[in-house]
């Protein structure tokens, strides 16, 4: 109970300070780490092995997302030639394949350090965190309207 109360206090405190533009992403990352840590119940050894794998995966997926976004940036279907459009589509397929390979490797790496049940718990915790963040965003956006 104390753990949940502490988590909710940190969550509330962090959300209240998210208005500061400078470190929003860092605060969200800290909340995400706390959320995952609490919901996955990693042992000390699992946590030591987990976070480097998790951070590497996050960094790699962010890099793929940025690369893909930059290639599509300022590209309007109306201004593309057929050849350019096909090249863009082929690149999208390539990036999707890279994402799948990255996730497959990520899961295999996780399975070397923790049981499959905790890996599934991790995915559930990430999904729940995203849902909470989306709900918080909707609530805040509604307060601004």
N, C-alpha and C. Protein backbone atom coordinates (compact mmCIF):
# COMPACT_ATOMS: atom_id res chain seq x y z
N UNK A 1 0.83 -1.20 0.00
CA UNK A 1 0.00 0.00 0.00
C UNK A 1 0.87 1.26 0.00
N UNK A 2 1.95 1.23 0.82
CA UNK A 2 2.84 2.38 0.88
C UNK A 2 3.49 2.62 -0.47
N UNK A 3 3.83 1.53 -1.15
CA UNK A 3 4.48 1.63 -2.45
C UNK A 3 3.55 2.31 -3.46
N UNK A 4 2.30 1.91 -3.46
CA UNK A 4 1.32 2.50 -4.38
C UNK A 4 1.10 3.97 -4.05
N UNK A 5 0.98 4.29 -2.77
CA UNK A 5 0.79 5.68 -2.35
C UNK A 5 1.98 6.53 -2.77
N UNK A 6 3.18 6.01 -2.56
CA UNK A 6 4.39 6.74 -2.97
C UNK A 6 4.40 6.93 -4.48
N UNK A 7 4.05 5.89 -5.22
CA UNK A 7 4.01 5.99 -6.67
C UNK A 7 3.00 7.04 -7.13
N UNK A 8 1.82 7.02 -6.55
CA UNK A 8 0.79 8.00 -6.92
C UNK A 8 1.23 9.42 -6.57
N UNK A 9 1.90 9.57 -5.44
CA UNK A 9 2.41 10.89 -5.06
C UNK A 9 3.44 11.38 -6.08
N UNK A 10 4.37 10.51 -6.42
CA UNK A 10 5.39 10.88 -7.42
C UNK A 10 4.74 11.17 -8.76
N UNK A 11 3.77 10.35 -9.14
CA UNK A 11 3.06 10.55 -10.40
C UNK A 11 2.35 11.90 -10.41
N UNK A 12 1.64 12.20 -9.35
CA UNK A 12 0.93 13.48 -9.27
C UNK A 12 1.87 14.66 -9.27
N UNK A 13 2.94 14.55 -8.50
CA UNK A 13 3.93 15.61 -8.45
C UNK A 13 4.58 15.82 -9.80
N UNK A 14 4.89 14.73 -10.47
CA UNK A 14 5.53 14.84 -11.78
C UNK A 14 4.60 15.43 -12.82
N UNK A 15 3.33 14.98 -12.79
CA UNK A 15 2.38 15.53 -13.76
C UNK A 15 2.15 17.02 -13.53
N UNK A 16 2.17 17.44 -12.27
CA UNK A 16 1.94 18.85 -12.00
C UNK A 16 3.09 19.71 -12.50
N UNK A 17 4.26 19.13 -12.57
CA UNK A 17 5.41 19.91 -13.03
C UNK A 17 5.71 19.70 -14.51
N UNK A 18 4.87 18.95 -15.20
CA UNK A 18 5.09 18.73 -16.63
C UNK A 18 4.90 19.99 -17.46
N UNK A 19 4.37 21.02 -16.85
CA UNK A 19 4.16 22.27 -17.57
C UNK A 19 5.48 22.92 -17.96
N UNK A 20 6.53 22.56 -17.29
CA UNK A 20 7.83 23.10 -17.64
C UNK A 20 8.30 22.46 -18.93
N UNK A 21 8.54 23.27 -19.92
CA UNK A 21 8.86 22.81 -21.27
C UNK A 21 10.17 22.06 -21.35
N UNK A 22 11.16 22.46 -20.57
CA UNK A 22 12.52 21.99 -20.71
C UNK A 22 12.69 20.48 -20.54
N UNK A 23 12.09 19.91 -19.55
CA UNK A 23 12.39 18.51 -19.25
C UNK A 23 11.16 17.60 -19.24
N UNK A 24 10.19 17.89 -20.05
CA UNK A 24 8.98 17.05 -20.11
C UNK A 24 9.32 15.61 -20.44
N UNK A 25 10.14 15.44 -21.46
CA UNK A 25 10.46 14.08 -21.89
C UNK A 25 11.19 13.31 -20.79
N UNK A 26 12.12 13.97 -20.12
CA UNK A 26 12.85 13.32 -19.04
C UNK A 26 11.92 12.91 -17.90
N UNK A 27 10.98 13.77 -17.58
CA UNK A 27 10.04 13.45 -16.50
C UNK A 27 9.12 12.30 -16.89
N UNK A 28 8.69 12.29 -18.13
CA UNK A 28 7.85 11.19 -18.59
C UNK A 28 8.64 9.89 -18.57
N UNK A 29 9.89 9.95 -18.98
CA UNK A 29 10.74 8.75 -18.93
C UNK A 29 10.92 8.26 -17.50
N UNK A 30 11.09 9.18 -16.56
CA UNK A 30 11.23 8.80 -15.15
C UNK A 30 9.94 8.14 -14.65
N UNK A 31 8.81 8.69 -15.05
CA UNK A 31 7.52 8.09 -14.67
C UNK A 31 7.37 6.69 -15.27
N UNK A 32 7.80 6.57 -16.51
CA UNK A 32 7.71 5.28 -17.19
C UNK A 32 8.58 4.24 -16.49
N UNK A 33 9.78 4.63 -16.12
CA UNK A 33 10.69 3.72 -15.41
C UNK A 33 10.08 3.27 -14.09
N UNK A 34 9.54 4.22 -13.35
CA UNK A 34 8.91 3.89 -12.07
C UNK A 34 7.71 2.96 -12.27
N UNK A 35 6.92 3.25 -13.27
CA UNK A 35 5.73 2.45 -13.56
C UNK A 35 6.12 1.02 -13.93
N UNK A 36 7.08 0.88 -14.83
CA UNK A 36 7.52 -0.45 -15.25
C UNK A 36 8.14 -1.20 -14.08
N UNK A 37 8.98 -0.52 -13.32
CA UNK A 37 9.64 -1.16 -12.19
C UNK A 37 8.60 -1.72 -11.21
N UNK A 38 7.59 -0.95 -10.94
CA UNK A 38 6.57 -1.40 -9.99
C UNK A 38 5.73 -2.54 -10.55
N UNK A 39 5.38 -2.47 -11.83
CA UNK A 39 4.44 -3.45 -12.38
C UNK A 39 5.09 -4.76 -12.83
N UNK A 40 6.37 -4.74 -13.13
CA UNK A 40 7.01 -5.97 -13.62
C UNK A 40 7.65 -6.76 -12.49
N UNK A 41 7.91 -6.12 -11.35
CA UNK A 41 8.50 -6.79 -10.19
C UNK A 41 9.81 -7.52 -10.53
N UNK A 42 10.74 -6.78 -11.09
CA UNK A 42 12.03 -7.35 -11.43
C UNK A 42 12.86 -7.59 -10.16
N UNK A 43 13.61 -8.67 -10.17
CA UNK A 43 14.57 -8.88 -9.09
C UNK A 43 15.72 -7.89 -9.31
N UNK A 44 16.58 -7.78 -8.32
CA UNK A 44 17.71 -6.86 -8.45
C UNK A 44 18.58 -7.23 -9.65
N UNK A 45 18.88 -8.51 -9.81
CA UNK A 45 19.71 -8.96 -10.93
C UNK A 45 19.01 -8.74 -12.26
N UNK A 46 17.70 -9.05 -12.31
CA UNK A 46 16.94 -8.84 -13.54
C UNK A 46 16.95 -7.37 -13.93
N UNK A 47 16.77 -6.50 -12.95
CA UNK A 47 16.76 -5.06 -13.22
C UNK A 47 18.10 -4.59 -13.76
N UNK A 48 19.19 -5.08 -13.19
CA UNK A 48 20.52 -4.69 -13.66
C UNK A 48 20.74 -5.12 -15.10
N UNK A 49 20.23 -6.28 -15.47
CA UNK A 49 20.38 -6.77 -16.84
C UNK A 49 19.34 -6.17 -17.78
N UNK A 50 18.16 -5.88 -17.24
CA UNK A 50 17.03 -5.41 -18.05
C UNK A 50 17.22 -4.01 -18.61
N UNK A 51 17.57 -3.05 -17.76
CA UNK A 51 17.55 -1.65 -18.18
C UNK A 51 18.50 -1.33 -19.34
N UNK A 52 19.69 -1.89 -19.40
CA UNK A 52 20.53 -1.63 -20.59
C UNK A 52 19.88 -2.17 -21.88
N UNK A 53 19.27 -3.35 -21.80
CA UNK A 53 18.60 -3.91 -22.98
C UNK A 53 17.41 -3.04 -23.36
N UNK A 54 16.63 -2.65 -22.38
CA UNK A 54 15.45 -1.83 -22.63
C UNK A 54 15.83 -0.49 -23.24
N UNK A 55 16.84 0.16 -22.65
CA UNK A 55 17.26 1.48 -23.15
C UNK A 55 17.82 1.39 -24.57
N UNK A 56 18.58 0.34 -24.87
CA UNK A 56 19.12 0.15 -26.22
C UNK A 56 17.97 -0.03 -27.21
N UNK A 57 16.98 -0.83 -26.83
CA UNK A 57 15.83 -1.04 -27.71
C UNK A 57 15.07 0.27 -27.95
N UNK A 58 14.84 1.01 -26.89
CA UNK A 58 14.14 2.30 -27.02
C UNK A 58 14.93 3.25 -27.94
N UNK A 59 16.24 3.33 -27.75
CA UNK A 59 17.07 4.21 -28.57
C UNK A 59 17.03 3.79 -30.04
N UNK A 60 17.11 2.48 -30.29
CA UNK A 60 17.08 1.99 -31.67
C UNK A 60 15.74 2.22 -32.34
N UNK A 61 14.64 2.01 -31.61
CA UNK A 61 13.33 2.25 -32.20
C UNK A 61 13.10 3.74 -32.44
N UNK A 62 13.59 4.58 -31.54
CA UNK A 62 13.50 6.03 -31.75
C UNK A 62 14.28 6.45 -32.99
N UNK A 63 15.46 5.89 -33.17
CA UNK A 63 16.28 6.22 -34.34
C UNK A 63 15.57 5.79 -35.62
N UNK A 64 14.97 4.60 -35.63
CA UNK A 64 14.23 4.16 -36.81
C UNK A 64 13.04 5.07 -37.09
N UNK A 65 12.34 5.45 -36.03
CA UNK A 65 11.18 6.32 -36.18
C UNK A 65 11.59 7.67 -36.77
N UNK A 66 12.69 8.23 -36.25
CA UNK A 66 13.16 9.52 -36.74
C UNK A 66 13.60 9.44 -38.19
N UNK A 67 14.33 8.38 -38.53
CA UNK A 67 14.79 8.21 -39.90
C UNK A 67 13.61 8.09 -40.85
N UNK A 68 12.64 7.29 -40.48
CA UNK A 68 11.45 7.11 -41.30
C UNK A 68 10.68 8.41 -41.45
N UNK A 69 10.55 9.13 -40.34
CA UNK A 69 9.82 10.39 -40.36
C UNK A 69 10.52 11.43 -41.24
N UNK A 70 11.83 11.48 -41.16
CA UNK A 70 12.58 12.45 -41.97
C UNK A 70 12.44 12.16 -43.46
N UNK A 71 12.38 10.89 -43.83
CA UNK A 71 12.24 10.54 -45.24
C UNK A 71 10.86 10.91 -45.78
N UNK A 72 9.86 10.89 -44.88
CA UNK A 72 8.50 11.23 -45.31
C UNK A 72 8.17 12.70 -45.13
N UNK A 73 9.03 13.39 -44.38
CA UNK A 73 8.79 14.79 -44.06
C UNK A 73 8.69 15.63 -45.34
N UNK A 74 7.74 16.51 -45.35
CA UNK A 74 7.53 17.43 -46.47
C UNK A 74 7.26 16.72 -47.79
N UNK A 75 6.78 15.49 -47.72
CA UNK A 75 6.43 14.76 -48.95
C UNK A 75 4.91 14.68 -49.04
N UNK A 76 4.41 15.28 -50.04
CA UNK A 76 2.97 15.26 -50.27
C UNK A 76 2.71 14.34 -51.47
N UNK A 77 1.71 13.48 -51.39
CA UNK A 77 1.42 12.59 -52.52
C UNK A 77 1.21 13.34 -53.84
N UNK A 78 0.71 14.55 -53.72
CA UNK A 78 0.43 15.33 -54.93
C UNK A 78 1.71 15.80 -55.63
N UNK A 79 2.80 15.92 -54.87
CA UNK A 79 4.04 16.43 -55.46
C UNK A 79 5.04 15.33 -55.83
N UNK A 80 4.76 14.10 -55.43
CA UNK A 80 5.67 13.00 -55.72
C UNK A 80 5.45 12.43 -57.12
N UNK A 81 6.55 12.04 -57.73
CA UNK A 81 6.42 11.28 -58.97
C UNK A 81 6.09 9.85 -58.58
N UNK A 82 5.67 9.07 -59.53
CA UNK A 82 5.34 7.67 -59.26
C UNK A 82 6.58 6.92 -58.75
N UNK A 83 7.72 7.20 -59.32
CA UNK A 83 8.97 6.55 -58.89
C UNK A 83 9.32 6.94 -57.46
N UNK A 84 9.18 8.20 -57.12
CA UNK A 84 9.46 8.66 -55.76
C UNK A 84 8.49 8.03 -54.75
N UNK A 85 7.23 7.92 -55.14
CA UNK A 85 6.22 7.32 -54.27
C UNK A 85 6.53 5.86 -54.02
N UNK A 86 6.92 5.13 -55.08
CA UNK A 86 7.27 3.72 -54.92
C UNK A 86 8.49 3.57 -54.03
N UNK A 87 9.47 4.43 -54.20
CA UNK A 87 10.68 4.38 -53.37
C UNK A 87 10.33 4.63 -51.90
N UNK A 88 9.42 5.57 -51.67
CA UNK A 88 8.98 5.87 -50.32
C UNK A 88 8.26 4.68 -49.69
N UNK A 89 7.42 4.03 -50.47
CA UNK A 89 6.71 2.84 -49.98
C UNK A 89 7.67 1.69 -49.68
N UNK A 90 8.65 1.49 -50.55
CA UNK A 90 9.64 0.44 -50.32
C UNK A 90 10.45 0.73 -49.06
N UNK A 91 10.74 1.99 -48.84
CA UNK A 91 11.45 2.37 -47.62
C UNK A 91 10.59 2.10 -46.38
N UNK A 92 9.30 2.37 -46.48
CA UNK A 92 8.40 2.10 -45.36
C UNK A 92 8.39 0.61 -45.03
N UNK A 93 8.39 -0.23 -46.05
CA UNK A 93 8.42 -1.68 -45.85
C UNK A 93 9.74 -2.08 -45.19
N UNK A 94 10.83 -1.50 -45.65
CA UNK A 94 12.15 -1.80 -45.09
C UNK A 94 12.21 -1.43 -43.61
N UNK A 95 11.69 -0.25 -43.27
CA UNK A 95 11.69 0.19 -41.88
C UNK A 95 10.82 -0.72 -41.03
N UNK A 96 9.66 -1.14 -41.55
CA UNK A 96 8.80 -2.07 -40.80
C UNK A 96 9.52 -3.40 -40.54
N UNK A 97 10.25 -3.88 -41.53
CA UNK A 97 11.01 -5.12 -41.36
C UNK A 97 12.11 -4.94 -40.32
N UNK A 98 12.76 -3.79 -40.33
CA UNK A 98 13.79 -3.50 -39.34
C UNK A 98 13.19 -3.44 -37.93
N UNK A 99 12.02 -2.84 -37.82
CA UNK A 99 11.34 -2.78 -36.52
C UNK A 99 11.00 -4.17 -36.01
N UNK A 100 10.49 -5.02 -36.91
CA UNK A 100 10.15 -6.40 -36.52
C UNK A 100 11.39 -7.16 -36.07
N UNK A 101 12.48 -7.03 -36.82
CA UNK A 101 13.73 -7.71 -36.46
C UNK A 101 14.25 -7.20 -35.12
N UNK A 102 14.15 -5.90 -34.91
CA UNK A 102 14.59 -5.29 -33.66
C UNK A 102 13.76 -5.81 -32.48
N UNK A 103 12.46 -5.88 -32.67
CA UNK A 103 11.59 -6.36 -31.59
C UNK A 103 11.84 -7.84 -31.31
N UNK A 104 12.05 -8.61 -32.35
CA UNK A 104 12.34 -10.03 -32.17
C UNK A 104 13.63 -10.22 -31.37
N UNK A 105 14.66 -9.47 -31.72
CA UNK A 105 15.92 -9.54 -30.99
C UNK A 105 15.74 -9.09 -29.54
N UNK A 106 14.96 -8.04 -29.36
CA UNK A 106 14.66 -7.51 -28.03
C UNK A 106 14.01 -8.57 -27.15
N UNK A 107 13.00 -9.24 -27.69
CA UNK A 107 12.31 -10.28 -26.93
C UNK A 107 13.27 -11.42 -26.61
N UNK A 108 14.07 -11.83 -27.58
CA UNK A 108 15.04 -12.90 -27.32
C UNK A 108 16.04 -12.49 -26.24
N UNK A 109 16.50 -11.25 -26.28
CA UNK A 109 17.42 -10.76 -25.25
C UNK A 109 16.76 -10.76 -23.88
N UNK A 110 15.50 -10.33 -23.83
CA UNK A 110 14.78 -10.32 -22.55
C UNK A 110 14.60 -11.73 -22.00
N UNK A 111 14.36 -12.67 -22.87
CA UNK A 111 14.14 -14.04 -22.42
C UNK A 111 15.40 -14.68 -21.84
N UNK A 112 16.56 -14.10 -22.12
CA UNK A 112 17.79 -14.63 -21.53
C UNK A 112 17.97 -14.16 -20.09
N UNK A 113 17.22 -13.13 -19.69
CA UNK A 113 17.41 -12.57 -18.34
C UNK A 113 16.19 -12.69 -17.44
N UNK A 114 15.03 -13.00 -18.03
CA UNK A 114 13.82 -13.10 -17.20
C UNK A 114 12.84 -14.09 -17.83
N UNK A 115 11.91 -14.58 -17.01
CA UNK A 115 10.92 -15.53 -17.55
C UNK A 115 9.94 -14.84 -18.52
N UNK A 116 9.38 -15.64 -19.39
CA UNK A 116 8.43 -15.14 -20.40
C UNK A 116 7.25 -14.43 -19.75
N UNK A 117 6.83 -14.87 -18.58
CA UNK A 117 5.69 -14.23 -17.91
C UNK A 117 6.01 -12.77 -17.56
N UNK A 118 7.26 -12.50 -17.19
CA UNK A 118 7.64 -11.11 -16.89
C UNK A 118 7.77 -10.29 -18.17
N UNK A 119 8.17 -10.93 -19.27
CA UNK A 119 8.24 -10.21 -20.55
C UNK A 119 6.84 -9.78 -20.96
N UNK A 120 5.89 -10.68 -20.81
CA UNK A 120 4.50 -10.33 -21.12
C UNK A 120 4.02 -9.24 -20.16
N UNK A 121 4.39 -9.35 -18.89
CA UNK A 121 4.04 -8.32 -17.92
C UNK A 121 4.63 -6.97 -18.30
N UNK A 122 5.83 -6.98 -18.84
CA UNK A 122 6.45 -5.74 -19.31
C UNK A 122 5.62 -5.10 -20.42
N UNK A 123 5.23 -5.90 -21.40
CA UNK A 123 4.43 -5.35 -22.50
C UNK A 123 3.09 -4.81 -22.00
N UNK A 124 2.51 -5.50 -21.05
CA UNK A 124 1.25 -5.01 -20.46
C UNK A 124 1.47 -3.70 -19.70
N UNK A 125 2.58 -3.63 -18.96
CA UNK A 125 2.88 -2.42 -18.20
C UNK A 125 3.12 -1.25 -19.15
N UNK A 126 3.84 -1.48 -20.24
CA UNK A 126 4.08 -0.41 -21.22
C UNK A 126 2.76 0.06 -21.82
N UNK A 127 1.89 -0.88 -22.14
CA UNK A 127 0.59 -0.52 -22.70
C UNK A 127 -0.25 0.27 -21.69
N UNK A 128 -0.24 -0.16 -20.45
CA UNK A 128 -0.99 0.54 -19.41
C UNK A 128 -0.43 1.94 -19.20
N UNK A 129 0.88 2.08 -19.24
CA UNK A 129 1.50 3.39 -19.07
C UNK A 129 1.09 4.33 -20.21
N UNK A 130 1.14 3.84 -21.43
CA UNK A 130 0.74 4.66 -22.58
C UNK A 130 -0.71 5.09 -22.46
N UNK A 131 -1.56 4.16 -22.01
CA UNK A 131 -2.98 4.47 -21.84
C UNK A 131 -3.16 5.56 -20.78
N UNK A 132 -2.42 5.45 -19.66
CA UNK A 132 -2.51 6.47 -18.60
C UNK A 132 -2.03 7.82 -19.10
N UNK A 133 -0.95 7.81 -19.86
CA UNK A 133 -0.43 9.07 -20.40
C UNK A 133 -1.43 9.70 -21.36
N UNK A 134 -2.06 8.87 -22.19
CA UNK A 134 -3.05 9.38 -23.12
C UNK A 134 -4.25 9.96 -22.38
N UNK A 135 -4.69 9.28 -21.34
CA UNK A 135 -5.81 9.79 -20.54
C UNK A 135 -5.44 11.11 -19.87
N UNK A 136 -4.22 11.20 -19.36
CA UNK A 136 -3.77 12.44 -18.73
C UNK A 136 -3.71 13.57 -19.77
N UNK A 137 -3.24 13.24 -20.96
CA UNK A 137 -3.19 14.23 -22.03
C UNK A 137 -4.59 14.72 -22.38
N UNK A 138 -5.54 13.79 -22.51
CA UNK A 138 -6.91 14.18 -22.81
C UNK A 138 -7.50 15.05 -21.73
N UNK A 139 -7.21 14.70 -20.47
CA UNK A 139 -7.74 15.47 -19.34
C UNK A 139 -7.16 16.89 -19.36
N UNK A 140 -5.87 16.98 -19.57
CA UNK A 140 -5.23 18.30 -19.58
C UNK A 140 -5.69 19.13 -20.79
N UNK A 141 -5.83 18.47 -21.91
CA UNK A 141 -6.29 19.17 -23.11
C UNK A 141 -7.70 19.69 -22.92
N UNK A 142 -8.53 18.88 -22.27
CA UNK A 142 -9.90 19.28 -21.98
C UNK A 142 -9.95 20.45 -21.03
N UNK A 143 -8.99 20.52 -20.11
CA UNK A 143 -8.94 21.64 -19.16
C UNK A 143 -8.50 22.93 -19.84
N UNK A 144 -7.77 22.79 -20.95
CA UNK A 144 -7.28 24.00 -21.66
C UNK A 144 -8.32 24.54 -22.62
N UNK A 145 -9.29 23.71 -23.03
CA UNK A 145 -10.29 24.17 -24.01
C UNK A 145 -11.29 25.12 -23.42
